[in-house]
Full PDB file with SEQRES, HELIX, SHEET, SSBOND, CRYST1, ORIGX, SCALE, CONECT and MASTER records, all heavy atoms in Angstrom:
SEQRES   1 A   40  ASP ARG HIS ALA LEU ILE GLU PRO PRO THR GLY PRO ALA          
SEQRES   2 A   40  LYS GLY ALA ASP LEU LEU ALA LEU ILE ARG ARG LEU GLY          
SEQRES   3 A   40  PHE VAL GLN VAL ASP SER VAL ASN THR VAL GLU ARG ALA          
SEQRES   4 A   40  HIS                                                          
HELIX    1 AA1 GLY A   15  LEU A   25  1                                  11    
CRYST1    1.000    1.000    1.000  90.00  90.00  90.00 P 1           1          
ORIGX1      1.000000  0.000000  0.000000        0.00000                         
ORIGX2      0.000000  1.000000  0.000000        0.00000                         
ORIGX3      0.000000  0.000000  1.000000        0.00000                         
SCALE1      1.000000  0.000000  0.000000        0.00000                         
SCALE2      0.000000  1.000000  0.000000        0.00000                         
SCALE3      0.000000  0.000000  1.000000        0.00000                         
ATOM      1  N   ASP A   1      -0.890 -19.889  16.956  1.00  0.00           N  
ATOM      2  CA  ASP A   1      -2.317 -19.830  16.674  1.00  0.00           C  
ATOM      3  C   ASP A   1      -2.881 -18.462  17.058  1.00  0.00           C  
ATOM      4  O   ASP A   1      -3.739 -17.924  16.349  1.00  0.00           O  
ATOM      5  CB  ASP A   1      -3.039 -20.941  17.429  1.00  0.00           C  
ATOM      6  CG  ASP A   1      -4.516 -21.003  17.089  1.00  0.00           C  
ATOM      7  OD1 ASP A   1      -4.843 -21.061  15.886  1.00  0.00           O  
ATOM      8  OD2 ASP A   1      -5.344 -20.983  18.016  1.00  0.00           O  
ATOM      9  N   ARG A   2      -2.414 -17.889  18.159  1.00  0.00           N  
ATOM     10  CA  ARG A   2      -2.867 -16.546  18.549  1.00  0.00           C  
ATOM     11  C   ARG A   2      -2.483 -15.517  17.490  1.00  0.00           C  
ATOM     12  O   ARG A   2      -3.129 -14.485  17.362  1.00  0.00           O  
ATOM     13  CB  ARG A   2      -2.266 -16.150  19.902  1.00  0.00           C  
ATOM     14  CG  ARG A   2      -2.621 -17.082  21.048  1.00  0.00           C  
ATOM     15  CD  ARG A   2      -4.116 -17.134  21.297  1.00  0.00           C  
ATOM     16  NE  ARG A   2      -4.499 -18.133  22.279  1.00  0.00           N  
ATOM     17  CZ  ARG A   2      -4.765 -17.885  23.558  1.00  0.00           C  
ATOM     18  NH1 ARG A   2      -4.679 -16.641  24.009  1.00  0.00           N  
ATOM     19  NH2 ARG A   2      -5.112 -18.856  24.379  1.00  0.00           N  
ATOM     20  N   HIS A   3      -1.437 -15.819  16.737  1.00  0.00           N  
ATOM     21  CA  HIS A   3      -0.960 -14.891  15.712  1.00  0.00           C  
ATOM     22  C   HIS A   3      -1.365 -15.307  14.303  1.00  0.00           C  
ATOM     23  O   HIS A   3      -0.788 -14.826  13.325  1.00  0.00           O  
ATOM     24  CB  HIS A   3       0.561 -14.749  15.823  1.00  0.00           C  
ATOM     25  CG  HIS A   3       0.993 -13.905  16.982  1.00  0.00           C  
ATOM     26  ND1 HIS A   3       1.146 -12.550  16.882  1.00  0.00           N  
ATOM     27  CD2 HIS A   3       1.247 -14.228  18.269  1.00  0.00           C  
ATOM     28  CE1 HIS A   3       1.503 -12.067  18.060  1.00  0.00           C  
ATOM     29  NE2 HIS A   3       1.565 -13.060  18.920  1.00  0.00           N  
ATOM     30  N   ALA A   4      -2.354 -16.171  14.210  1.00  0.00           N  
ATOM     31  CA  ALA A   4      -2.917 -16.566  12.912  1.00  0.00           C  
ATOM     32  C   ALA A   4      -1.868 -17.166  11.984  1.00  0.00           C  
ATOM     33  O   ALA A   4      -1.921 -16.968  10.768  1.00  0.00           O  
ATOM     34  CB  ALA A   4      -3.609 -15.375  12.243  1.00  0.00           C  
ATOM     35  N   LEU A   5      -0.945 -17.929  12.560  1.00  0.00           N  
ATOM     36  CA  LEU A   5       0.113 -18.536  11.760  1.00  0.00           C  
ATOM     37  C   LEU A   5       0.070 -20.063  11.778  1.00  0.00           C  
ATOM     38  O   LEU A   5       1.025 -20.712  11.351  1.00  0.00           O  
ATOM     39  CB  LEU A   5       1.494 -18.054  12.247  1.00  0.00           C  
ATOM     40  CG  LEU A   5       1.851 -16.615  11.887  1.00  0.00           C  
ATOM     41  CD1 LEU A   5       3.126 -16.178  12.589  1.00  0.00           C  
ATOM     42  CD2 LEU A   5       1.982 -16.439  10.375  1.00  0.00           C  
ATOM     43  N   ILE A   6      -1.031 -20.620  12.259  1.00  0.00           N  
ATOM     44  CA  ILE A   6      -1.196 -22.069  12.217  1.00  0.00           C  
ATOM     45  C   ILE A   6      -2.116 -22.471  11.072  1.00  0.00           C  
ATOM     46  O   ILE A   6      -1.818 -23.382  10.302  1.00  0.00           O  
ATOM     47  CB  ILE A   6      -1.735 -22.603  13.563  1.00  0.00           C  
ATOM     48  CG1 ILE A   6      -0.643 -22.517  14.643  1.00  0.00           C  
ATOM     49  CG2 ILE A   6      -2.204 -24.048  13.428  1.00  0.00           C  
ATOM     50  CD1 ILE A   6       0.512 -23.488  14.464  1.00  0.00           C  
ATOM     51  N   GLU A   7      -3.254 -21.763  10.941  1.00  0.00           N  
ATOM     52  CA  GLU A   7      -4.180 -22.121   9.868  1.00  0.00           C  
ATOM     53  C   GLU A   7      -3.612 -21.730   8.508  1.00  0.00           C  
ATOM     54  O   GLU A   7      -2.715 -20.879   8.429  1.00  0.00           O  
ATOM     55  CB  GLU A   7      -5.539 -21.438  10.077  1.00  0.00           C  
ATOM     56  CG  GLU A   7      -5.502 -19.927   9.870  1.00  0.00           C  
ATOM     57  CD  GLU A   7      -5.549 -19.147  11.168  1.00  0.00           C  
ATOM     58  OE1 GLU A   7      -4.975 -19.624  12.160  1.00  0.00           O  
ATOM     59  OE2 GLU A   7      -6.155 -18.060  11.176  1.00  0.00           O  
ATOM     60  N   PRO A   8      -4.091 -22.328   7.433  1.00  0.00           N  
ATOM     61  CA  PRO A   8      -3.607 -21.967   6.095  1.00  0.00           C  
ATOM     62  C   PRO A   8      -3.843 -20.475   5.814  1.00  0.00           C  
ATOM     63  O   PRO A   8      -4.825 -19.896   6.292  1.00  0.00           O  
ATOM     64  CB  PRO A   8      -4.455 -22.842   5.162  1.00  0.00           C  
ATOM     65  CG  PRO A   8      -4.905 -23.985   6.013  1.00  0.00           C  
ATOM     66  CD  PRO A   8      -5.096 -23.424   7.386  1.00  0.00           C  
ATOM     67  N   PRO A   9      -2.963 -19.849   5.043  1.00  0.00           N  
ATOM     68  CA  PRO A   9      -3.082 -18.401   4.767  1.00  0.00           C  
ATOM     69  C   PRO A   9      -4.076 -18.107   3.651  1.00  0.00           C  
ATOM     70  O   PRO A   9      -3.765 -17.465   2.644  1.00  0.00           O  
ATOM     71  CB  PRO A   9      -1.659 -18.019   4.370  1.00  0.00           C  
ATOM     72  CG  PRO A   9      -1.116 -19.253   3.725  1.00  0.00           C  
ATOM     73  CD  PRO A   9      -1.716 -20.408   4.487  1.00  0.00           C  
ATOM     74  N   THR A  10      -5.295 -18.571   3.849  1.00  0.00           N  
ATOM     75  CA  THR A  10      -6.331 -18.418   2.838  1.00  0.00           C  
ATOM     76  C   THR A  10      -7.495 -17.631   3.428  1.00  0.00           C  
ATOM     77  O   THR A  10      -7.532 -17.343   4.614  1.00  0.00           O  
ATOM     78  CB  THR A  10      -6.820 -19.791   2.358  1.00  0.00           C  
ATOM     79  OG1 THR A  10      -7.285 -20.543   3.494  1.00  0.00           O  
ATOM     80  CG2 THR A  10      -5.705 -20.565   1.683  1.00  0.00           C  
ATOM     81  N   GLY A  11      -8.463 -17.316   2.583  1.00  0.00           N  
ATOM     82  CA  GLY A  11      -9.649 -16.615   3.044  1.00  0.00           C  
ATOM     83  C   GLY A  11      -9.634 -15.155   2.662  1.00  0.00           C  
ATOM     84  O   GLY A  11      -8.617 -14.618   2.186  1.00  0.00           O  
ATOM     85  N   PRO A  12     -10.758 -14.457   2.879  1.00  0.00           N  
ATOM     86  CA  PRO A  12     -10.874 -13.049   2.479  1.00  0.00           C  
ATOM     87  C   PRO A  12      -9.986 -12.144   3.310  1.00  0.00           C  
ATOM     88  O   PRO A  12      -9.703 -12.422   4.475  1.00  0.00           O  
ATOM     89  CB  PRO A  12     -12.361 -12.745   2.700  1.00  0.00           C  
ATOM     90  CG  PRO A  12     -12.810 -13.742   3.730  1.00  0.00           C  
ATOM     91  CD  PRO A  12     -12.005 -14.978   3.471  1.00  0.00           C  
ATOM     92  N   ALA A  13      -9.557 -11.037   2.711  1.00  0.00           N  
ATOM     93  CA  ALA A  13      -8.623 -10.128   3.380  1.00  0.00           C  
ATOM     94  C   ALA A  13      -8.910  -8.684   3.020  1.00  0.00           C  
ATOM     95  O   ALA A  13      -8.011  -7.913   2.682  1.00  0.00           O  
ATOM     96  CB  ALA A  13      -7.187 -10.499   3.018  1.00  0.00           C  
ATOM     97  N   LYS A  14     -10.173  -8.308   3.119  1.00  0.00           N  
ATOM     98  CA  LYS A  14     -10.546  -6.919   2.913  1.00  0.00           C  
ATOM     99  C   LYS A  14     -11.707  -6.587   3.836  1.00  0.00           C  
ATOM    100  O   LYS A  14     -12.364  -7.491   4.364  1.00  0.00           O  
ATOM    101  CB  LYS A  14     -10.900  -6.640   1.456  1.00  0.00           C  
ATOM    102  CG  LYS A  14     -12.062  -7.464   0.922  1.00  0.00           C  
ATOM    103  CD  LYS A  14     -12.441  -7.062  -0.502  1.00  0.00           C  
ATOM    104  CE  LYS A  14     -11.351  -7.380  -1.495  1.00  0.00           C  
ATOM    105  NZ  LYS A  14     -11.791  -7.139  -2.909  1.00  0.00           N  
ATOM    106  N   GLY A  15     -11.958  -5.312   4.025  1.00  0.00           N  
ATOM    107  CA  GLY A  15     -13.094  -4.883   4.812  1.00  0.00           C  
ATOM    108  C   GLY A  15     -13.110  -5.458   6.212  1.00  0.00           C  
ATOM    109  O   GLY A  15     -12.099  -5.474   6.916  1.00  0.00           O  
ATOM    110  N   ALA A  16     -14.264  -5.974   6.632  1.00  0.00           N  
ATOM    111  CA  ALA A  16     -14.439  -6.493   7.991  1.00  0.00           C  
ATOM    112  C   ALA A  16     -13.520  -7.674   8.270  1.00  0.00           C  
ATOM    113  O   ALA A  16     -13.069  -7.864   9.410  1.00  0.00           O  
ATOM    114  CB  ALA A  16     -15.899  -6.888   8.207  1.00  0.00           C  
ATOM    115  N   ASP A  17     -13.214  -8.485   7.253  1.00  0.00           N  
ATOM    116  CA  ASP A  17     -12.337  -9.633   7.450  1.00  0.00           C  
ATOM    117  C   ASP A  17     -10.910  -9.183   7.736  1.00  0.00           C  
ATOM    118  O   ASP A  17     -10.232  -9.749   8.600  1.00  0.00           O  
ATOM    119  CB  ASP A  17     -12.369 -10.542   6.224  1.00  0.00           C  
ATOM    120  CG  ASP A  17     -13.735 -11.170   6.015  1.00  0.00           C  
ATOM    121  OD1 ASP A  17     -14.178 -11.931   6.890  1.00  0.00           O  
ATOM    122  OD2 ASP A  17     -14.368 -10.869   4.986  1.00  0.00           O  
ATOM    123  N   LEU A  18     -10.450  -8.183   7.034  1.00  0.00           N  
ATOM    124  CA  LEU A  18      -9.112  -7.661   7.287  1.00  0.00           C  
ATOM    125  C   LEU A  18      -9.046  -7.002   8.659  1.00  0.00           C  
ATOM    126  O   LEU A  18      -8.073  -7.183   9.405  1.00  0.00           O  
ATOM    127  CB  LEU A  18      -8.714  -6.667   6.192  1.00  0.00           C  
ATOM    128  CG  LEU A  18      -7.335  -6.039   6.325  1.00  0.00           C  
ATOM    129  CD1 LEU A  18      -6.237  -7.103   6.351  1.00  0.00           C  
ATOM    130  CD2 LEU A  18      -7.083  -5.048   5.188  1.00  0.00           C  
ATOM    131  N   LEU A  19     -10.065  -6.250   9.008  1.00  0.00           N  
ATOM    132  CA  LEU A  19     -10.105  -5.622  10.324  1.00  0.00           C  
ATOM    133  C   LEU A  19     -10.078  -6.675  11.423  1.00  0.00           C  
ATOM    134  O   LEU A  19      -9.379  -6.514  12.440  1.00  0.00           O  
ATOM    135  CB  LEU A  19     -11.352  -4.747  10.456  1.00  0.00           C  
ATOM    136  CG  LEU A  19     -11.566  -4.068  11.812  1.00  0.00           C  
ATOM    137  CD1 LEU A  19     -10.396  -3.150  12.155  1.00  0.00           C  
ATOM    138  CD2 LEU A  19     -12.881  -3.294  11.809  1.00  0.00           C  
ATOM    139  N   ALA A  20     -10.806  -7.773  11.248  1.00  0.00           N  
ATOM    140  CA  ALA A  20     -10.818  -8.843  12.247  1.00  0.00           C  
ATOM    141  C   ALA A  20      -9.426  -9.450  12.413  1.00  0.00           C  
ATOM    142  O   ALA A  20      -9.012  -9.791  13.533  1.00  0.00           O  
ATOM    143  CB  ALA A  20     -11.827  -9.920  11.857  1.00  0.00           C  
ATOM    144  N   LEU A  21      -8.688  -9.573  11.325  1.00  0.00           N  
ATOM    145  CA  LEU A  21      -7.326 -10.107  11.409  1.00  0.00           C  
ATOM    146  C   LEU A  21      -6.424  -9.151  12.179  1.00  0.00           C  
ATOM    147  O   LEU A  21      -5.654  -9.574  13.053  1.00  0.00           O  
ATOM    148  CB  LEU A  21      -6.778 -10.352  10.002  1.00  0.00           C  
ATOM    149  CG  LEU A  21      -5.324 -10.823   9.918  1.00  0.00           C  
ATOM    150  CD1 LEU A  21      -5.132 -12.140  10.656  1.00  0.00           C  
ATOM    151  CD2 LEU A  21      -4.873 -10.934   8.460  1.00  0.00           C  
ATOM    152  N   ILE A  22      -6.510  -7.870  11.891  1.00  0.00           N  
ATOM    153  CA  ILE A  22      -5.689  -6.887  12.607  1.00  0.00           C  
ATOM    154  C   ILE A  22      -6.053  -6.877  14.087  1.00  0.00           C  
ATOM    155  O   ILE A  22      -5.176  -6.804  14.964  1.00  0.00           O  
ATOM    156  CB  ILE A  22      -5.857  -5.491  11.980  1.00  0.00           C  
ATOM    157  CG1 ILE A  22      -5.358  -5.497  10.533  1.00  0.00           C  
ATOM    158  CG2 ILE A  22      -5.109  -4.432  12.794  1.00  0.00           C  
ATOM    159  CD1 ILE A  22      -5.684  -4.236   9.754  1.00  0.00           C  
ATOM    160  N   ARG A  23      -7.348  -6.972  14.386  1.00  0.00           N  
ATOM    161  CA  ARG A  23      -7.787  -7.031  15.784  1.00  0.00           C  
ATOM    162  C   ARG A  23      -7.195  -8.254  16.476  1.00  0.00           C  
ATOM    163  O   ARG A  23      -6.752  -8.182  17.629  1.00  0.00           O  
ATOM    164  CB  ARG A  23      -9.306  -7.064  15.847  1.00  0.00           C  
ATOM    165  CG  ARG A  23      -9.866  -7.051  17.264  1.00  0.00           C  
ATOM    166  CD  ARG A  23     -11.368  -7.262  17.263  1.00  0.00           C  
ATOM    167  NE  ARG A  23     -12.068  -6.220  16.527  1.00  0.00           N  
ATOM    168  CZ  ARG A  23     -12.766  -6.431  15.405  1.00  0.00           C  
ATOM    169  NH1 ARG A  23     -12.835  -7.654  14.871  1.00  0.00           N  
ATOM    170  NH2 ARG A  23     -13.386  -5.448  14.806  1.00  0.00           N  
ATOM    171  N   ARG A  24      -7.187  -9.377  15.791  1.00  0.00           N  
ATOM    172  CA  ARG A  24      -6.640 -10.611  16.368  1.00  0.00           C  
ATOM    173  C   ARG A  24      -5.156 -10.443  16.696  1.00  0.00           C  
ATOM    174  O   ARG A  24      -4.689 -10.873  17.752  1.00  0.00           O  
ATOM    175  CB  ARG A  24      -6.851 -11.760  15.391  1.00  0.00           C  
ATOM    176  CG  ARG A  24      -6.329 -13.112  15.857  1.00  0.00           C  
ATOM    177  CD  ARG A  24      -6.723 -14.170  14.848  1.00  0.00           C  
ATOM    178  NE  ARG A  24      -6.127 -15.467  15.110  1.00  0.00           N  
ATOM    179  CZ  ARG A  24      -6.296 -16.538  14.340  1.00  0.00           C  
ATOM    180  NH1 ARG A  24      -7.062 -16.441  13.256  1.00  0.00           N  
ATOM    181  NH2 ARG A  24      -5.714 -17.687  14.645  1.00  0.00           N  
ATOM    182  N   LEU A  25      -4.418  -9.806  15.809  1.00  0.00           N  
ATOM    183  CA  LEU A  25      -2.994  -9.572  16.045  1.00  0.00           C  
ATOM    184  C   LEU A  25      -2.775  -8.483  17.091  1.00  0.00           C  
ATOM    185  O   LEU A  25      -1.774  -8.499  17.806  1.00  0.00           O  
ATOM    186  CB  LEU A  25      -2.302  -9.173  14.742  1.00  0.00           C  
ATOM    187  CG  LEU A  25      -2.352 -10.193  13.600  1.00  0.00           C  
ATOM    188  CD1 LEU A  25      -1.663  -9.637  12.367  1.00  0.00           C  
ATOM    189  CD2 LEU A  25      -1.730 -11.514  14.008  1.00  0.00           C  
ATOM    190  N   GLY A  26      -3.675  -7.526  17.151  1.00  0.00           N  
ATOM    191  CA  GLY A  26      -3.545  -6.402  18.073  1.00  0.00           C  
ATOM    192  C   GLY A  26      -3.058  -5.157  17.386  1.00  0.00           C  
ATOM    193  O   GLY A  26      -3.641  -4.086  17.522  1.00  0.00           O  
ATOM    194  N   PHE A  27      -1.991  -5.293  16.638  1.00  0.00           N  
ATOM    195  CA  PHE A  27      -1.451  -4.177  15.863  1.00  0.00           C  
ATOM    196  C   PHE A  27      -0.540  -4.740  14.786  1.00  0.00           C  
ATOM    197  O   PHE A  27      -0.089  -5.885  14.860  1.00  0.00           O  
ATOM    198  CB  PHE A  27      -0.676  -3.189  16.749  1.00  0.00           C  
ATOM    199  CG  PHE A  27       0.467  -3.814  17.523  1.00  0.00           C  
ATOM    200  CD1 PHE A  27       1.731  -3.939  16.965  1.00  0.00           C  
ATOM    201  CD2 PHE A  27       0.267  -4.282  18.818  1.00  0.00           C  
ATOM    202  CE1 PHE A  27       2.777  -4.517  17.671  1.00  0.00           C  
ATOM    203  CE2 PHE A  27       1.311  -4.866  19.534  1.00  0.00           C  
ATOM    204  CZ  PHE A  27       2.561  -4.979  18.965  1.00  0.00           C  
ATOM    205  N   VAL A  28      -0.276  -3.928  13.785  1.00  0.00           N  
ATOM    206  CA  VAL A  28       0.595  -4.310  12.679  1.00  0.00           C  
ATOM    207  C   VAL A  28       1.642  -3.211  12.527  1.00  0.00           C  
ATOM    208  O   VAL A  28       1.300  -2.056  12.265  1.00  0.00           O  
ATOM    209  CB  VAL A  28      -0.205  -4.482  11.369  1.00  0.00           C  
ATOM    210  CG1 VAL A  28       0.730  -4.743  10.201  1.00  0.00           C  
ATOM    211  CG2 VAL A  28      -1.224  -5.611  11.511  1.00  0.00           C  
ATOM    212  N   GLN A  29       2.897  -3.560  12.710  1.00  0.00           N  
ATOM    213  CA  GLN A  29       3.948  -2.543  12.670  1.00  0.00           C  
ATOM    214  C   GLN A  29       4.158  -2.020  11.256  1.00  0.00           C  
ATOM    215  O   GLN A  29       4.146  -2.768  10.281  1.00  0.00           O  
ATOM    216  CB  GLN A  29       5.260  -3.094  13.218  1.00  0.00           C  
ATOM    217  CG  GLN A  29       6.363  -2.042  13.289  1.00  0.00           C  
ATOM    218  CD  GLN A  29       7.585  -2.500  14.042  1.00  0.00           C  
ATOM    219  OE1 GLN A  29       7.492  -3.339  14.945  1.00  0.00           O  
ATOM    220  NE2 GLN A  29       8.751  -1.966  13.705  1.00  0.00           N  
ATOM    221  N   VAL A  30       4.373  -0.706  11.163  1.00  0.00           N  
ATOM    222  CA  VAL A  30       4.656  -0.024   9.907  1.00  0.00           C  
ATOM    223  C   VAL A  30       6.152   0.243   9.843  1.00  0.00           C  
ATOM    224  O   VAL A  30       6.744   0.736  10.808  1.00  0.00           O  
ATOM    225  CB  VAL A  30       3.880   1.309   9.824  1.00  0.00           C  
ATOM    226  CG1 VAL A  30       4.226   2.060   8.540  1.00  0.00           C  
ATOM    227  CG2 VAL A  30       2.381   1.061   9.920  1.00  0.00           C  
ATOM    228  N   ASP A  31       6.762  -0.088   8.727  1.00  0.00           N  
ATOM    229  CA  ASP A  31       8.196   0.180   8.587  1.00  0.00           C  
ATOM    230  C   ASP A  31       8.510   0.556   7.154  1.00  0.00           C  
ATOM    231  O   ASP A  31       7.840   0.118   6.210  1.00  0.00           O  
ATOM    232  CB  ASP A  31       9.028  -1.036   8.997  1.00  0.00           C  
ATOM    233  CG  ASP A  31      10.504  -0.682   9.165  1.00  0.00           C  
ATOM    234  OD1 ASP A  31      10.848  -0.081  10.198  1.00  0.00           O  
ATOM    235  OD2 ASP A  31      11.292  -0.984   8.257  1.00  0.00           O  
ATOM    236  N   SER A  32       9.552   1.369   6.995  1.00  0.00           N  
ATOM    237  CA  SER A  32       9.867   1.939   5.683  1.00  0.00           C  
ATOM    238  C   SER A  32      10.695   1.019   4.795  1.00  0.00           C  
ATOM    239  O   SER A  32      10.742   1.223   3.578  1.00  0.00           O  
ATOM    240  CB  SER A  32      10.617   3.264   5.868  1.00  0.00           C  
ATOM    241  OG  SER A  32      11.851   3.046   6.549  1.00  0.00           O  
ATOM    242  N   VAL A  33      11.381   0.025   5.369  1.00  0.00           N  
ATOM    243  CA  VAL A  33      12.269  -0.822   4.567  1.00  0.00           C  
ATOM    244  C   VAL A  33      11.438  -1.552   3.516  1.00  0.00           C  
ATOM    245  O   VAL A  33      10.428  -2.180   3.828  1.00  0.00           O  
ATOM    246  CB  VAL A  33      13.035  -1.821   5.448  1.00  0.00           C  
ATOM    247  CG1 VAL A  33      13.915  -2.722   4.583  1.00  0.00           C  
ATOM    248  CG2 VAL A  33      13.885  -1.081   6.472  1.00  0.00           C  
ATOM    249  N   ASN A  34      11.893  -1.496   2.272  1.00  0.00           N  
ATOM    250  CA  ASN A  34      11.080  -1.986   1.160  1.00  0.00           C  
ATOM    251  C   ASN A  34      11.914  -2.825   0.197  1.00  0.00           C  
ATOM    252  O   ASN A  34      11.779  -2.726  -1.014  1.00  0.00           O  
ATOM    253  CB  ASN A  34      10.445  -0.790   0.433  1.00  0.00           C  
ATOM    254  CG  ASN A  34       9.282  -1.187  -0.455  1.00  0.00           C  
ATOM    255  OD1 ASN A  34       8.672  -2.226  -0.248  1.00  0.00           O  
ATOM    256  ND2 ASN A  34       8.969  -0.351  -1.431  1.00  0.00           N  
ATOM    257  N   THR A  35      12.775  -3.677   0.744  1.00  0.00           N  
ATOM    258  CA  THR A  35      13.600  -4.509  -0.123  1.00  0.00           C  
ATOM    259  C   THR A  35      12.756  -5.517  -0.904  1.00  0.00           C  
ATOM    260  O   THR A  35      13.090  -5.877  -2.031  1.00  0.00           O  
ATOM    261  CB  THR A  35      14.666  -5.266   0.685  1.00  0.00           C  
ATOM    262  OG1 THR A  35      14.018  -6.025   1.709  1.00  0.00           O  
ATOM    263  CG2 THR A  35      15.659  -4.300   1.323  1.00  0.00           C  
ATOM    264  N   VAL A  36      11.667  -5.977  -0.296  1.00  0.00           N  
ATOM    265  CA  VAL A  36      10.708  -6.847  -0.988  1.00  0.00           C  
ATOM    266  C   VAL A  36       9.326  -6.213  -0.917  1.00  0.00           C  
ATOM    267  O   VAL A  36       8.741  -5.841  -1.916  1.00  0.00           O  
ATOM    268  CB  VAL A  36      10.697  -8.267  -0.386  1.00  0.00           C  
ATOM    269  CG1 VAL A  36       9.612  -9.127  -1.035  1.00  0.00           C  
ATOM    270  CG2 VAL A  36      12.063  -8.932  -0.575  1.00  0.00           C  
ATOM    271  N   GLU A  37       8.773  -6.084   0.293  1.00  0.00           N  
ATOM    272  CA  GLU A  37       7.515  -5.396   0.535  1.00  0.00           C  
ATOM    273  C   GLU A  37       7.568  -4.853   1.952  1.00  0.00           C  
ATOM    274  O   GLU A  37       8.256  -5.411   2.813  1.00  0.00           O  
ATOM    275  CB  GLU A  37       6.331  -6.358   0.355  1.00  0.00           C  
ATOM    276  CG  GLU A  37       4.961  -5.717   0.456  1.00  0.00           C  
ATOM    277  CD  GLU A  37       4.765  -4.516  -0.451  1.00  0.00           C  
ATOM    278  OE1 GLU A  37       5.117  -3.396  -0.014  1.00  0.00           O  
ATOM    279  OE2 GLU A  37       4.282  -4.688  -1.574  1.00  0.00           O  
ATOM    280  N   ARG A  38       6.899  -3.734   2.194  1.00  0.00           N  
ATOM    281  CA  ARG A  38       6.959  -3.120   3.520  1.00  0.00           C  
ATOM    282  C   ARG A  38       6.319  -4.030   4.564  1.00  0.00           C  
ATOM    283  O   ARG A  38       5.425  -4.820   4.278  1.00  0.00           O  
ATOM    284  CB  ARG A  38       6.313  -1.743   3.505  1.00  0.00           C  
ATOM    285  CG  ARG A  38       7.150  -0.744   2.725  1.00  0.00           C  
ATOM    286  CD  ARG A  38       6.767   0.691   3.029  1.00  0.00           C  
ATOM    287  NE  ARG A  38       7.778   1.610   2.502  1.00  0.00           N  
ATOM    288  CZ  ARG A  38       7.676   2.290   1.374  1.00  0.00           C  
ATOM    289  NH1 ARG A  38       6.587   2.155   0.625  1.00  0.00           N  
ATOM    290  NH2 ARG A  38       8.647   3.090   0.979  1.00  0.00           N  
ATOM    291  N   ALA A  39       6.797  -3.865   5.808  1.00  0.00           N  
ATOM    292  CA  ALA A  39       6.464  -4.799   6.886  1.00  0.00           C  
ATOM    293  C   ALA A  39       4.969  -4.992   7.065  1.00  0.00           C  
ATOM    294  O   ALA A  39       4.487  -6.125   7.187  1.00  0.00           O  
ATOM    295  CB  ALA A  39       7.096  -4.317   8.193  1.00  0.00           C  
ATOM    296  N   HIS A  40       4.195  -3.895   7.100  1.00  0.00           N  
ATOM    297  CA  HIS A  40       2.766  -4.020   7.387  1.00  0.00           C  
ATOM    298  C   HIS A  40       2.050  -4.841   6.320  1.00  0.00           C  
ATOM    299  O   HIS A  40       1.146  -5.622   6.643  1.00  0.00           O  
ATOM    300  CB  HIS A  40       2.110  -2.646   7.563  1.00  0.00           C  
ATOM    301  CG  HIS A  40       2.537  -1.601   6.587  1.00  0.00           C  
ATOM    302  ND1 HIS A  40       3.839  -1.172   6.473  1.00  0.00           N  
ATOM    303  CD2 HIS A  40       1.836  -0.869   5.678  1.00  0.00           C  
ATOM    304  CE1 HIS A  40       3.919  -0.234   5.540  1.00  0.00           C  
ATOM    305  NE2 HIS A  40       2.724  -0.046   5.039  1.00  0.00           N  
TER     306      HIS A  40                                                      
MASTER        0    0    0    1    0    0    0    6  305    1    0    4          
END                                                                             
């Protein structure tokens, strides 16, 4: 729940809403591997 993985993966994901999600997680790791989509 602290990592936003209990509630359904729905809702807005841009602007202030996206920033709030990143704040909740603390940080989002960036990685170059792109076999499907990059980590962040």
